[in-house]
Amino acid sequence: MSKKLAIIGASDFQNPLILKAKQLGFETHVFAWECGDIGERTADYFYPISITEIDQIAEKCRSIGVDGICSIGTDLGNITVSKVADKLDLCANSLECIKASTNKHLMREAFFKNGDPSPKSYQVSDVSDVDILDLNYPIIVKPVDRSGSRCITKLQSSEGLEDAVRSAIDVSFSKACVVEEFFTGIEYSVEFISWRGEHHFLALTRKFTTGSPHFIETGHLQPAPVSDSLRTRIIQVVSHALDSLGVEYGASHSEILVNENEDIRIVEIGSRMGGDCIGSDLVELSTGFDFLGAVISVATGHEPDLSVSEHPECAMIRFIFDGEDLAMLRQAECDRSVRVERSSVDNDMEHEIVDSGSRYGFYILTSDSIDNLEKYLPKRGV
């Protein structure tokens, strides 16, 4: 009897998970709203069911007899995975963990309770509430339960605060936002895999964004060039925070800021693999660790294989915002010191880029030396 895996989502960023599962001999059962995404074609079985329809997905998975359920790089998919797994007694993080790791206010409360370094933060559900906030500027406003840089705004003063709060509340699933003191520093993400509450560090990623006011990500680099001592402290801080959130199983993606004094602040932690190809591509390219395979192992109730290949490389992703980004892709294709591992470019490059989901595409580069990748790192933003 074949092994069967349920996968939540069918987008280009979920497709590597589908392909990896098939490579490992799993029969893939993919659930998503039907809109022509690539996973609709690569899956063995595709079900045009919205990923928010928990009961329908659980009923179908029960009839199929799936061995596990997973999703990568999406908070909404992560919520569905946890709820369906709970109904079917499959391996996944607890519902309490998922609540805390997909809601920025509950996350901040967990960090405050457990002494994890985190900016001062307030939850706001009504624009009128901003009058009573005790915060020092600059501040940053975010929807409480969205990802992908949606409706994030940095403000230097109270001017524009009500508009920023209103916009963030409008896109929030629970109609709330967080207003937080802004911590200035270099942004990194930290990738882990956990099994039965034991956390295994995989990679540190240097992140690049458009900067203020919306911080849309422009690229990522692995391994991040930091000292061994800083890397060790980052691992300790994030491991403790994972315990604070109750993370026990699977991938996690933690975003942090480090200032010039090497003070660390946790931006947020997702109890799922990082999006933007960080987990699906960059980790394996830069470390030799089969991250996708490990996620599937955990989802099907098996301890992940932590071994790595012998020849890891340096890897980066650059997102396409304009013609300059495309020109750098063409240059990389002719550059013998780097390799183009994967790329995706939209035919439509006319729409406005307002968040991560509206960028025009991306390309992934690898090299034996990080020096060869530096000229391809995005210059805009920080």
Foldseek 3Di string as FASTA:
>chain_A
DFAEEEEEDQAPQFVLLQVVCVVVGYQYEYEDQDDPHPRPPSHNHYDNHHLVPLVVVLVVCVVVVHLFYDYFAFLSNLLSRQSSCVVVVFFDFHNQLSVCQQFQVSLVVLCVVLVFFAFDKDKDQALVVVVPDDEQDFKWKAQRGGDQLFLIFTDRDCVCVSVSQCRRLVPHPVSMMMITHDDDAFKKKWKWFAAQLDIHTQAIKGWFALAHTRGATFKIKPRDDDDPVLVVVVVVSVSSSCVSSRQHGGMKMWMWGQHPVRDIHTPHMHSHHHTPCVQSPQRCQAWQANRSQQRVQSRSPHHGDGDGDDQHWIKMKGFALDPVLVVLVVVQVVDPQKDWDDWDFAPDNPDDDNGNVPTGIMIMMTGRDPVVCVVNDDPRGD
